[in-house]
PDB file of N, CA and C in Angstrom:
ATOM      1  N   UNK A   1      97.178 142.759 119.947  1.00  0.00           N
ATOM      2  CA  UNK A   1      97.049 141.996 118.726  1.00  0.00           C
ATOM      3  C   UNK A   1      96.017 140.886 118.957  1.00  0.00           C
ATOM      4  N   UNK A   2      95.373 140.500 117.879  1.00  0.00           N
ATOM      5  CA  UNK A   2      94.259 139.567 117.970  1.00  0.00           C
ATOM      6  C   UNK A   2      94.393 138.467 116.918  1.00  0.00           C
ATOM      7  N   UNK A   3      93.892 137.284 117.259  1.00  0.00           N
ATOM      8  CA  UNK A   3      93.792 136.185 116.313  1.00  0.00           C
ATOM      9  C   UNK A   3      92.347 136.096 115.858  1.00  0.00           C
ATOM     10  N   UNK A   4      92.152 135.856 114.560  1.00  0.00           N
ATOM     11  CA  UNK A   4      90.814 135.775 113.983  1.00  0.00           C
ATOM     12  C   UNK A   4      90.618 134.370 113.432  1.00  0.00           C
ATOM     13  N   UNK A   5      89.486 133.762 113.787  1.00  0.00           N
ATOM     14  CA  UNK A   5      89.149 132.412 113.336  1.00  0.00           C
ATOM     15  C   UNK A   5      87.808 132.441 112.617  1.00  0.00           C
ATOM     16  N   UNK A   6      87.666 131.565 111.630  1.00  0.00           N
ATOM     17  CA  UNK A   6      86.398 131.389 110.927  1.00  0.00           C
ATOM     18  C   UNK A   6      85.880 130.000 111.216  1.00  0.00           C
ATOM     19  N   UNK A   7      84.569 129.905 111.469  1.00  0.00           N
ATOM     20  CA  UNK A   7      83.931 128.625 111.745  1.00  0.00           C
ATOM     21  C   UNK A   7      83.252 128.093 110.502  1.00  0.00           C
ATOM     22  N   UNK A   8      82.814 126.844 110.572  1.00  0.00           N
ATOM     23  CA  UNK A   8      82.206 126.184 109.435  1.00  0.00           C
ATOM     24  C   UNK A   8      80.869 126.758 109.010  1.00  0.00           C
ATOM     25  N   UNK A   9      80.163 127.431 109.886  1.00  0.00           N
ATOM     26  CA  UNK A   9      78.833 127.958 109.565  1.00  0.00           C
ATOM     27  C   UNK A   9      78.830 129.479 109.569  1.00  0.00           C
ATOM     28  N   UNK A  10      79.809 130.076 108.922  1.00  0.00           N
ATOM     29  CA  UNK A  10      79.920 131.537 108.839  1.00  0.00           C
ATOM     30  C   UNK A  10      80.034 132.201 110.203  1.00  0.00           C
ATOM     31  N   UNK A  11      80.813 131.605 111.092  1.00  0.00           N
ATOM     32  CA  UNK A  11      81.040 132.175 112.412  1.00  0.00           C
ATOM     33  C   UNK A  11      82.385 132.889 112.426  1.00  0.00           C
ATOM     34  N   UNK A  12      82.461 133.959 113.188  1.00  0.00           N
ATOM     35  CA  UNK A  12      83.688 134.720 113.352  1.00  0.00           C
ATOM     36  C   UNK A  12      84.047 134.722 114.826  1.00  0.00           C
ATOM     37  N   UNK A  13      85.303 134.431 115.141  1.00  0.00           N
ATOM     38  CA  UNK A  13      85.787 134.416 116.518  1.00  0.00           C
ATOM     39  C   UNK A  13      87.051 135.250 116.587  1.00  0.00           C
ATOM     40  N   UNK A  14      87.105 136.180 117.540  1.00  0.00           N
ATOM     41  CA  UNK A  14      88.277 137.028 117.750  1.00  0.00           C
ATOM     42  C   UNK A  14      88.726 136.845 119.189  1.00  0.00           C
ATOM     43  N   UNK A  15      90.008 136.513 119.380  1.00  0.00           N
ATOM     44  CA  UNK A  15      90.582 136.371 120.721  1.00  0.00           C
ATOM     45  C   UNK A  15      91.930 137.078 120.747  1.00  0.00           C
ATOM     46  N   UNK A  16      92.433 137.323 121.939  1.00  0.00           N
ATOM     47  CA  UNK A  16      93.767 137.932 122.056  1.00  0.00           C
ATOM     48  C   UNK A  16      94.810 136.968 121.500  1.00  0.00           C
ATOM     49  N   UNK A  17      95.833 137.527 120.881  1.00  0.00           N
ATOM     50  CA  UNK A  17      96.886 136.734 120.258  1.00  0.00           C
ATOM     51  C   UNK A  17      97.531 135.783 121.274  1.00  0.00           C
ATOM     52  N   UNK A  18      97.608 134.516 120.910  1.00  0.00           N
ATOM     53  CA  UNK A  18      98.280 133.524 121.732  1.00  0.00           C
ATOM     54  C   UNK A  18      97.397 132.782 122.718  1.00  0.00           C
ATOM     55  N   UNK A  19      96.177 133.221 122.934  1.00  0.00           N
ATOM     56  CA  UNK A  19      95.287 132.533 123.863  1.00  0.00           C
ATOM     57  C   UNK A  19      94.564 131.395 123.149  1.00  0.00           C
ATOM     58  N   UNK A  20      94.209 130.335 123.889  1.00  0.00           N
ATOM     59  CA  UNK A  20      93.492 129.213 123.261  1.00  0.00           C
ATOM     60  C   UNK A  20      92.029 129.569 123.005  1.00  0.00           C
ATOM     61  N   UNK A  21      91.396 128.831 122.113  1.00  0.00           N
ATOM     62  CA  UNK A  21      89.970 129.000 121.840  1.00  0.00           C
ATOM     63  C   UNK A  21      89.201 128.523 123.070  1.00  0.00           C
ATOM     64  N   UNK A  22      88.245 129.311 123.559  1.00  0.00           N
ATOM     65  CA  UNK A  22      87.464 128.895 124.736  1.00  0.00           C
ATOM     66  C   UNK A  22      86.796 127.539 124.505  1.00  0.00           C
ATOM     67  N   UNK A  23      86.838 126.678 125.501  1.00  0.00           N
ATOM     68  CA  UNK A  23      86.324 125.314 125.357  1.00  0.00           C
ATOM     69  C   UNK A  23      84.820 125.291 125.081  1.00  0.00           C
ATOM     70  N   UNK A  24      84.062 126.252 125.598  1.00  0.00           N
ATOM     71  CA  UNK A  24      82.618 126.268 125.354  1.00  0.00           C
ATOM     72  C   UNK A  24      82.282 126.633 123.918  1.00  0.00           C
ATOM     73  N   UNK A  25      83.259 127.127 123.161  1.00  0.00           N
ATOM     74  CA  UNK A  25      83.060 127.447 121.748  1.00  0.00           C
ATOM     75  C   UNK A  25      83.702 126.395 120.863  1.00  0.00           C
ATOM     76  N   UNK A  26      83.824 125.184 121.375  1.00  0.00           N
ATOM     77  CA  UNK A  26      84.441 124.104 120.621  1.00  0.00           C
ATOM     78  C   UNK A  26      83.869 123.996 119.221  1.00  0.00           C
ATOM     79  N   UNK A  27      84.554 123.320 118.384  1.00  0.00           N
ATOM     80  CA  UNK A  27      84.104 123.187 117.004  1.00  0.00           C
ATOM     81  C   UNK A  27      85.285 123.195 116.061  1.00  0.00           C
ATOM     82  N   UNK A  28      84.987 123.389 114.823  1.00  0.00           N
ATOM     83  CA  UNK A  28      86.020 123.371 113.800  1.00  0.00           C
ATOM     84  C   UNK A  28      86.348 124.804 113.383  1.00  0.00           C
ATOM     85  N   UNK A  29      87.387 125.381 113.966  1.00  0.00           N
ATOM     86  CA  UNK A  29      87.793 126.749 113.671  1.00  0.00           C
ATOM     87  C   UNK A  29      89.028 126.751 112.785  1.00  0.00           C
ATOM     88  N   UNK A  30      89.042 127.611 111.782  1.00  0.00           N
ATOM     89  CA  UNK A  30      90.202 127.792 110.901  1.00  0.00           C
ATOM     90  C   UNK A  30      90.791 129.169 111.178  1.00  0.00           C
ATOM     91  N   UNK A  31      92.065 129.195 111.517  1.00  0.00           N
ATOM     92  CA  UNK A  31      92.713 130.464 111.823  1.00  0.00           C
ATOM     93  C   UNK A  31      93.060 131.199 110.539  1.00  0.00           C
ATOM     94  N   UNK A  32      92.787 132.493 110.533  1.00  0.00           N
ATOM     95  CA  UNK A  32      93.206 133.333 109.417  1.00  0.00           C
ATOM     96  C   UNK A  32      94.734 133.374 109.430  1.00  0.00           C
ATOM     97  N   UNK A  33      95.337 133.633 108.304  1.00  0.00           N
ATOM     98  CA  UNK A  33      96.795 133.548 108.197  1.00  0.00           C
ATOM     99  C   UNK A  33      97.544 134.590 109.009  1.00  0.00           C
ATOM    100  N   UNK A  34      96.991 135.779 109.134  1.00  0.00           N
ATOM    101  CA  UNK A  34      97.709 136.845 109.822  1.00  0.00           C
ATOM    102  C   UNK A  34      97.044 137.233 111.138  1.00  0.00           C
ATOM    103  N   UNK A  35      97.857 137.772 112.023  1.00  0.00           N
ATOM    104  CA  UNK A  35      97.352 138.323 113.274  1.00  0.00           C
ATOM    105  C   UNK A  35      96.912 139.751 113.001  1.00  0.00           C
ATOM    106  N   UNK A  36      95.797 140.161 113.579  1.00  0.00           N
ATOM    107  CA  UNK A  36      95.237 141.493 113.359  1.00  0.00           C
ATOM    108  C   UNK A  36      95.748 142.425 114.444  1.00  0.00           C
ATOM    109  N   UNK A  37      96.192 143.600 114.050  1.00  0.00           N
ATOM    110  CA  UNK A  37      96.721 144.554 115.024  1.00  0.00           C
ATOM    111  C   UNK A  37      95.635 145.358 115.715  1.00  0.00           C
ATOM    112  N   UNK A  38      94.580 145.711 114.986  1.00  0.00           N
ATOM    113  CA  UNK A  38      93.525 146.518 115.589  1.00  0.00           C
ATOM    114  C   UNK A  38      92.154 145.998 115.161  1.00  0.00           C
ATOM    115  N   UNK A  39      91.182 146.211 116.026  1.00  0.00           N
ATOM    116  CA  UNK A  39      89.797 145.821 115.768  1.00  0.00           C
ATOM    117  C   UNK A  39      88.906 146.987 116.180  1.00  0.00           C
ATOM    118  N   UNK A  40      87.631 146.898 115.870  1.00  0.00           N
ATOM    119  CA  UNK A  40      86.714 147.977 116.232  1.00  0.00           C
ATOM    120  C   UNK A  40      86.588 148.072 117.754  1.00  0.00           C
ATOM    121  N   UNK A  41      86.090 149.203 118.188  1.00  0.00           N
ATOM    122  CA  UNK A  41      85.947 149.430 119.632  1.00  0.00           C
ATOM    123  C   UNK A  41      84.991 148.423 120.267  1.00  0.00           C
ATOM    124  N   UNK A  42      83.898 148.078 119.566  1.00  0.00           N
ATOM    125  CA  UNK A  42      82.934 147.113 120.094  1.00  0.00           C
ATOM    126  C   UNK A  42      83.541 145.734 120.282  1.00  0.00           C
ATOM    127  N   UNK A  43      84.337 145.292 119.313  1.00  0.00           N
ATOM    128  CA  UNK A  43      85.003 143.992 119.418  1.00  0.00           C
ATOM    129  C   UNK A  43      86.030 144.023 120.540  1.00  0.00           C
ATOM    130  N   UNK A  44      86.794 145.111 120.622  1.00  0.00           N
ATOM    131  CA  UNK A  44      87.818 145.239 121.667  1.00  0.00           C
ATOM    132  C   UNK A  44      87.182 145.173 123.061  1.00  0.00           C
ATOM    133  N   UNK A  45      86.054 145.859 123.258  1.00  0.00           N
ATOM    134  CA  UNK A  45      85.370 145.830 124.558  1.00  0.00           C
ATOM    135  C   UNK A  45      84.861 144.424 124.869  1.00  0.00           C
ATOM    136  N   UNK A  46      84.333 143.735 123.866  1.00  0.00           N
ATOM    137  CA  UNK A  46      83.832 142.376 124.053  1.00  0.00           C
ATOM    138  C   UNK A  46      84.956 141.424 124.453  1.00  0.00           C
ATOM    139  N   UNK A  47      86.116 141.547 123.799  1.00  0.00           N
ATOM    140  CA  UNK A  47      87.272 140.696 124.124  1.00  0.00           C
ATOM    141  C   UNK A  47      87.755 140.980 125.535  1.00  0.00           C
ATOM    142  N   UNK A  48      87.770 142.252 125.938  1.00  0.00           N
ATOM    143  CA  UNK A  48      88.201 142.585 127.298  1.00  0.00           C
ATOM    144  C   UNK A  48      87.222 142.051 128.350  1.00  0.00           C
ATOM    145  N   UNK A  49      85.929 142.090 128.051  1.00  0.00           N
ATOM    146  CA  UNK A  49      84.908 141.669 129.011  1.00  0.00           C
ATOM    147  C   UNK A  49      84.810 140.148 129.116  1.00  0.00           C
ATOM    148  N   UNK A  50      84.693 139.452 127.962  1.00  0.00           N
ATOM    149  CA  UNK A  50      84.458 138.004 127.956  1.00  0.00           C
ATOM    150  C   UNK A  50      85.686 137.180 127.597  1.00  0.00           C
ATOM    151  N   UNK A  51      86.706 137.801 127.042  1.00  0.00           N
ATOM    152  CA  UNK A  51      87.886 137.062 126.617  1.00  0.00           C
ATOM    153  C   UNK A  51      87.842 136.669 125.155  1.00  0.00           C
ATOM    154  N   UNK A  52      86.705 136.922 124.497  1.00  0.00           N
ATOM    155  CA  UNK A  52      86.558 136.614 123.076  1.00  0.00           C
ATOM    156  C   UNK A  52      85.383 137.399 122.507  1.00  0.00           C
ATOM    157  N   UNK A  53      85.331 137.470 121.187  1.00  0.00           N
ATOM    158  CA  UNK A  53      84.180 138.047 120.479  1.00  0.00           C
ATOM    159  C   UNK A  53      83.737 137.016 119.466  1.00  0.00           C
ATOM    160  N   UNK A  54      82.461 136.655 119.482  1.00  0.00           N
ATOM    161  CA  UNK A  54      81.919 135.659 118.560  1.00  0.00           C
ATOM    162  C   UNK A  54      80.653 136.207 117.931  1.00  0.00           C
ATOM    163  N   UNK A  55      80.504 135.984 116.612  1.00  0.00           N
ATOM    164  CA  UNK A  55      79.263 136.384 115.945  1.00  0.00           C
ATOM    165  C   UNK A  55      79.104 135.610 114.652  1.00  0.00           C
ATOM    166  N   UNK A  56      77.873 135.580 114.183  1.00  0.00           N
ATOM    167  CA  UNK A  56      77.563 135.004 112.875  1.00  0.00           C
ATOM    168  C   UNK A  56      77.857 136.047 111.812  1.00  0.00           C
ATOM    169  N   UNK A  57      78.499 135.648 110.742  1.00  0.00           N
ATOM    170  CA  UNK A  57      78.719 136.555 109.623  1.00  0.00           C
ATOM    171  C   UNK A  57      77.460 136.597 108.766  1.00  0.00           C
ATOM    172  N   UNK A  58      77.221 137.714 108.149  1.00  0.00           N
ATOM    173  CA  UNK A  58      76.052 137.848 107.261  1.00  0.00           C
ATOM    174  C   UNK A  58      76.226 136.921 106.053  1.00  0.00           C
ATOM    175  N   UNK A  59      75.127 136.361 105.588  1.00  0.00           N
ATOM    176  CA  UNK A  59      75.182 135.522 104.385  1.00  0.00           C
ATOM    177  C   UNK A  59      75.544 136.390 103.205  1.00  0.00           C
ATOM    178  N   UNK A  60      76.461 135.891 102.402  1.00  0.00           N
ATOM    179  CA  UNK A  60      76.899 136.639 101.231  1.00  0.00           C
ATOM    180  C   UNK A  60      76.095 136.201 100.013  1.00  0.00           C
ATOM    181  N   UNK A  61      75.625 137.166  99.232  1.00  0.00           N
ATOM    182  CA  UNK A  61      74.879 136.895  98.024  1.00  0.00           C
ATOM    183  C   UNK A  61      75.865 136.768  96.875  1.00  0.00           C
ATOM    184  N   UNK A  62      75.733 135.705  96.102  1.00  0.00           N
ATOM    185  CA  UNK A  62      76.670 135.504  94.991  1.00  0.00           C
ATOM    186  C   UNK A  62      76.031 135.812  93.676  1.00  0.00           C
TER     187      UNK A  62
END
């Protein structure tokens, strides 16, 4: 299971459920309300390798 956080500048952070946010990624993170049970294979590999997955979200056109 994974926790998903959103940052102030369209950032996405995925970490294993219950682990703290890495200190080098400090900032203002807002946790999504629910824990995610599954993620894509690329995100899962990134979390296993580095302990987290971080990326910029695409700008949304309104």
